[in-house]
């Protein structure tokens, strides 16, 4: 009698779990550029990769009393970014050439160690976006490679 109760309870639980989950079906591959694009209703997007070119920024610190004298110089790659719901998202680490100091960047705080500047909050891929989310390529990103799945 006790076994029958647990067996019945097990099948009820499995029926609940089996029907409460959605499955994903491949739909298509997209390239999202500088135009804001929205994830359609009933779909999710997986950001698979980015295509762009990093701009090297050279910074020269000059003396305020003698503008022709250089105090220090350093270089860094400015943040590659995408926009999700119109908010800038830094992608990957930001590395630096020679010199020290910190600076540059668009939105995240940076720190410097051993002549290298890193973004303190880079986003790594893949990144999943739910329906009604907007996506747009931004600073140093030309295209975003997206895989679209239908939620069933």
C-alpha atoms as a PDB file:
ATOM      1  CA  UNK A   1       0.000   0.000   0.000  1.00  0.00           C
ATOM      2  CA  UNK A   2       2.783   2.374   0.938  1.00  0.00           C
ATOM      3  CA  UNK A   3       4.689   1.520  -2.274  1.00  0.00           C
ATOM      4  CA  UNK A   4       1.619   2.264  -4.409  1.00  0.00           C
ATOM      5  CA  UNK A   5       1.338   5.722  -2.849  1.00  0.00           C
ATOM      6  CA  UNK A   6       4.990   6.559  -3.583  1.00  0.00           C
ATOM      7  CA  UNK A   7       4.756   5.192  -7.125  1.00  0.00           C
ATOM      8  CA  UNK A   8       1.642   7.301  -7.778  1.00  0.00           C
ATOM      9  CA  UNK A   9       3.315  10.357  -6.241  1.00  0.00           C
ATOM     10  CA  UNK A  10       6.415   9.765  -8.390  1.00  0.00           C
ATOM     11  CA  UNK A  11       4.394   9.642 -11.638  1.00  0.00           C
ATOM     12  CA  UNK A  12       2.426  12.764 -10.669  1.00  0.00           C
ATOM     13  CA  UNK A  13       5.657  14.617  -9.989  1.00  0.00           C
ATOM     14  CA  UNK A  14       7.233  13.445 -13.254  1.00  0.00           C
ATOM     15  CA  UNK A  15       4.142  14.533 -15.179  1.00  0.00           C
ATOM     16  CA  UNK A  16       4.332  17.992 -13.632  1.00  0.00           C
ATOM     17  CA  UNK A  17       8.061  18.366 -14.352  1.00  0.00           C
ATOM     18  CA  UNK A  18       7.757  16.988 -17.886  1.00  0.00           C
ATOM     19  CA  UNK A  19       5.064  19.471 -18.932  1.00  0.00           C
ATOM     20  CA  UNK A  20       6.382  22.546 -17.152  1.00  0.00           C
ATOM     21  CA  UNK A  21       9.546  22.970 -19.228  1.00  0.00           C
ATOM     22  CA  UNK A  22       9.850  24.570 -22.639  1.00  0.00           C
ATOM     23  CA  UNK A  23      12.010  23.326 -25.461  1.00  0.00           C
ATOM     24  CA  UNK A  24      14.018  25.392 -27.933  1.00  0.00           C
ATOM     25  CA  UNK A  25      13.932  24.871 -31.691  1.00  0.00           C
ATOM     26  CA  UNK A  26      16.549  26.446 -33.961  1.00  0.00           C
ATOM     27  CA  UNK A  27      15.069  29.217 -36.100  1.00  0.00           C
ATOM     28  CA  UNK A  28      17.865  31.148 -37.873  1.00  0.00           C
ATOM     29  CA  UNK A  29      21.207  32.948 -37.596  1.00  0.00           C
ATOM     30  CA  UNK A  30      21.269  36.754 -37.593  1.00  0.00           C
ATOM     31  CA  UNK A  31      23.833  39.522 -37.854  1.00  0.00           C
ATOM     32  CA  UNK A  32      22.755  42.519 -35.780  1.00  0.00           C
ATOM     33  CA  UNK A  33      24.464  45.803 -36.621  1.00  0.00           C
ATOM     34  CA  UNK A  34      24.104  49.423 -35.561  1.00  0.00           C
ATOM     35  CA  UNK A  35      20.308  49.363 -35.946  1.00  0.00           C
ATOM     36  CA  UNK A  36      18.436  48.461 -32.756  1.00  0.00           C
ATOM     37  CA  UNK A  37      16.758  45.055 -33.182  1.00  0.00           C
ATOM     38  CA  UNK A  38      14.201  43.422 -30.842  1.00  0.00           C
ATOM     39  CA  UNK A  39      13.937  39.754 -29.891  1.00  0.00           C
ATOM     40  CA  UNK A  40      10.481  38.701 -31.213  1.00  0.00           C
ATOM     41  CA  UNK A  41       7.773  37.322 -28.928  1.00  0.00           C
ATOM     42  CA  UNK A  42       8.071  33.548 -28.510  1.00  0.00           C
ATOM     43  CA  UNK A  43      11.817  33.550 -29.264  1.00  0.00           C
ATOM     44  CA  UNK A  44      15.131  33.788 -27.403  1.00  0.00           C
ATOM     45  CA  UNK A  45      18.491  34.863 -28.792  1.00  0.00           C
ATOM     46  CA  UNK A  46      21.914  33.490 -28.041  1.00  0.00           C
ATOM     47  CA  UNK A  47      24.729  35.960 -28.720  1.00  0.00           C
ATOM     48  CA  UNK A  48      27.388  33.671 -30.158  1.00  0.00           C
ATOM     49  CA  UNK A  49      30.092  36.107 -31.239  1.00  0.00           C
ATOM     50  CA  UNK A  50      31.125  39.632 -32.157  1.00  0.00           C
ATOM     51  CA  UNK A  51      32.854  41.178 -35.152  1.00  0.00           C
ATOM     52  CA  UNK A  52      34.636  44.487 -34.793  1.00  0.00           C
ATOM     53  CA  UNK A  53      37.888  46.361 -34.581  1.00  0.00           C
ATOM     54  CA  UNK A  54      39.400  47.631 -31.355  1.00  0.00           C
ATOM     55  CA  UNK A  55      40.652  51.204 -31.427  1.00  0.00           C
ATOM     56  CA  UNK A  56      43.939  51.830 -29.669  1.00  0.00           C
ATOM     57  CA  UNK A  57      43.784  55.036 -27.644  1.00  0.00           C
ATOM     58  CA  UNK A  58      47.045  56.821 -26.891  1.00  0.00           C
ATOM     59  CA  UNK A  59      47.101  59.128 -23.873  1.00  0.00           C
ATOM     60  CA  UNK A  60      49.798  61.719 -23.326  1.00  0.00           C
ATOM     61  CA  UNK A  61      49.955  63.529 -19.976  1.00  0.00           C
ATOM     62  CA  UNK A  62      51.594  66.932 -20.276  1.00  0.00           C
ATOM     63  CA  UNK A  63      52.736  69.360 -17.661  1.00  0.00           C
ATOM     64  CA  UNK A  64      50.256  72.189 -17.123  1.00  0.00           C
ATOM     65  CA  UNK A  65      53.077  74.675 -16.588  1.00  0.00           C
ATOM     66  CA  UNK A  66      55.064  73.529 -19.659  1.00  0.00           C
ATOM     67  CA  UNK A  67      52.655  72.030 -22.250  1.00  0.00           C
ATOM     68  CA  UNK A  68      55.519  70.857 -24.449  1.00  0.00           C
ATOM     69  CA  UNK A  69      56.934  68.585 -21.713  1.00  0.00           C
ATOM     70  CA  UNK A  70      55.517  65.077 -21.484  1.00  0.00           C
ATOM     71  CA  UNK A  71      54.990  63.629 -17.978  1.00  0.00           C
ATOM     72  CA  UNK A  72      53.855  60.163 -19.008  1.00  0.00           C
ATOM     73  CA  UNK A  73      52.266  58.244 -21.857  1.00  0.00           C
ATOM     74  CA  UNK A  74      50.224  55.065 -22.030  1.00  0.00           C
ATOM     75  CA  UNK A  75      47.962  53.272 -24.466  1.00  0.00           C
ATOM     76  CA  UNK A  76      44.876  51.139 -24.018  1.00  0.00           C
ATOM     77  CA  UNK A  77      42.167  49.506 -26.056  1.00  0.00           C
ATOM     78  CA  UNK A  78      38.886  51.271 -25.477  1.00  0.00           C
ATOM     79  CA  UNK A  79      35.936  49.106 -24.445  1.00  0.00           C
ATOM     80  CA  UNK A  80      34.143  47.120 -27.129  1.00  0.00           C
ATOM     81  CA  UNK A  81      30.446  47.492 -26.314  1.00  0.00           C
ATOM     82  CA  UNK A  82      27.024  46.302 -27.287  1.00  0.00           C
ATOM     83  CA  UNK A  83      23.734  47.863 -26.213  1.00  0.00           C
ATOM     84  CA  UNK A  84      21.117  45.712 -24.496  1.00  0.00           C
ATOM     85  CA  UNK A  85      17.861  47.577 -23.843  1.00  0.00           C
ATOM     86  CA  UNK A  86      19.844  50.733 -24.708  1.00  0.00           C
ATOM     87  CA  UNK A  87      22.323  50.137 -21.855  1.00  0.00           C
ATOM     88  CA  UNK A  88      26.049  49.820 -22.711  1.00  0.00           C
ATOM     89  CA  UNK A  89      27.553  46.406 -21.953  1.00  0.00           C
ATOM     90  CA  UNK A  90      31.359  46.022 -21.967  1.00  0.00           C
ATOM     91  CA  UNK A  91      32.531  42.829 -23.662  1.00  0.00           C
ATOM     92  CA  UNK A  92      35.777  41.089 -22.664  1.00  0.00           C
ATOM     93  CA  UNK A  93      38.886  42.468 -20.957  1.00  0.00           C
ATOM     94  CA  UNK A  94      40.530  45.698 -21.937  1.00  0.00           C
ATOM     95  CA  UNK A  95      44.307  45.378 -22.211  1.00  0.00           C
ATOM     96  CA  UNK A  96      46.986  48.030 -22.310  1.00  0.00           C
ATOM     97  CA  UNK A  97      50.325  48.644 -23.881  1.00  0.00           C
ATOM     98  CA  UNK A  98      53.217  50.234 -21.980  1.00  0.00           C
ATOM     99  CA  UNK A  99      52.925  52.864 -19.309  1.00  0.00           C
ATOM    100  CA  UNK A 100      50.926  52.988 -16.168  1.00  0.00           C
ATOM    101  CA  UNK A 101      47.846  54.662 -14.954  1.00  0.00           C
ATOM    102  CA  UNK A 102      44.242  54.159 -15.739  1.00  0.00           C
ATOM    103  CA  UNK A 103      41.717  56.035 -17.705  1.00  0.00           C
ATOM    104  CA  UNK A 104      39.549  55.975 -20.749  1.00  0.00           C
ATOM    105  CA  UNK A 105      36.686  53.621 -21.198  1.00  0.00           C
ATOM    106  CA  UNK A 106      33.073  54.503 -21.493  1.00  0.00           C
ATOM    107  CA  UNK A 107      31.121  53.191 -18.563  1.00  0.00           C
ATOM    108  CA  UNK A 108      32.932  50.740 -16.298  1.00  0.00           C
ATOM    109  CA  UNK A 109      35.545  51.420 -13.666  1.00  0.00           C
ATOM    110  CA  UNK A 110      39.048  50.284 -14.505  1.00  0.00           C
ATOM    111  CA  UNK A 111      42.067  49.272 -12.478  1.00  0.00           C
ATOM    112  CA  UNK A 112      45.716  49.046 -13.390  1.00  0.00           C
ATOM    113  CA  UNK A 113      48.280  46.375 -12.490  1.00  0.00           C
ATOM    114  CA  UNK A 114      51.715  45.815 -14.017  1.00  0.00           C
ATOM    115  CA  UNK A 115      51.081  48.334 -16.788  1.00  0.00           C
ATOM    116  CA  UNK A 116      47.830  46.679 -17.839  1.00  0.00           C
ATOM    117  CA  UNK A 117      44.343  48.133 -17.475  1.00  0.00           C
ATOM    118  CA  UNK A 118      41.368  45.803 -17.148  1.00  0.00           C
ATOM    119  CA  UNK A 119      37.664  46.443 -17.131  1.00  0.00           C
ATOM    120  CA  UNK A 120      36.350  45.402 -13.736  1.00  0.00           C
ATOM    121  CA  UNK A 121      33.100  43.974 -15.089  1.00  0.00           C
ATOM    122  CA  UNK A 122      33.466  42.501 -18.559  1.00  0.00           C
ATOM    123  CA  UNK A 123      30.692  40.370 -20.002  1.00  0.00           C
ATOM    124  CA  UNK A 124      31.674  37.099 -21.633  1.00  0.00           C
ATOM    125  CA  UNK A 125      29.815  35.136 -24.284  1.00  0.00           C
ATOM    126  CA  UNK A 126      27.538  33.342 -24.899  1.00  0.00           C
ATOM    127  CA  UNK A 127      24.799  35.601 -23.580  1.00  0.00           C
ATOM    128  CA  UNK A 128      21.094  34.703 -23.763  1.00  0.00           C
ATOM    129  CA  UNK A 129      18.411  37.344 -24.367  1.00  0.00           C
ATOM    130  CA  UNK A 130      14.689  36.818 -23.653  1.00  0.00           C
ATOM    131  CA  UNK A 131      11.842  38.050 -25.843  1.00  0.00           C
ATOM    132  CA  UNK A 132      11.251  41.824 -26.117  1.00  0.00           C
ATOM    133  CA  UNK A 133      14.921  42.595 -25.369  1.00  0.00           C
ATOM    134  CA  UNK A 134      16.594  45.089 -27.705  1.00  0.00           C
ATOM    135  CA  UNK A 135      20.117  44.580 -29.050  1.00  0.00           C
ATOM    136  CA  UNK A 136      22.440  46.877 -30.982  1.00  0.00           C
ATOM    137  CA  UNK A 137      26.112  46.930 -31.960  1.00  0.00           C
ATOM    138  CA  UNK A 138      27.942  49.850 -30.384  1.00  0.00           C
ATOM    139  CA  UNK A 139      31.480  51.070 -29.731  1.00  0.00           C
ATOM    140  CA  UNK A 140      34.182  48.981 -31.514  1.00  0.00           C
ATOM    141  CA  UNK A 141      31.615  46.344 -32.577  1.00  0.00           C
ATOM    142  CA  UNK A 142      30.426  46.154 -36.188  1.00  0.00           C
ATOM    143  CA  UNK A 143      28.205  43.067 -36.007  1.00  0.00           C
ATOM    144  CA  UNK A 144      26.766  40.752 -33.375  1.00  0.00           C
ATOM    145  CA  UNK A 145      26.303  37.109 -34.388  1.00  0.00           C
ATOM    146  CA  UNK A 146      22.996  35.850 -32.977  1.00  0.00           C
ATOM    147  CA  UNK A 147      21.345  32.419 -33.052  1.00  0.00           C
ATOM    148  CA  UNK A 148      17.552  32.622 -32.781  1.00  0.00           C
ATOM    149  CA  UNK A 149      15.525  29.854 -31.113  1.00  0.00           C
ATOM    150  CA  UNK A 150      11.758  29.438 -30.966  1.00  0.00           C
ATOM    151  CA  UNK A 151      10.442  28.660 -27.474  1.00  0.00           C
ATOM    152  CA  UNK A 152       7.895  25.811 -27.591  1.00  0.00           C
END
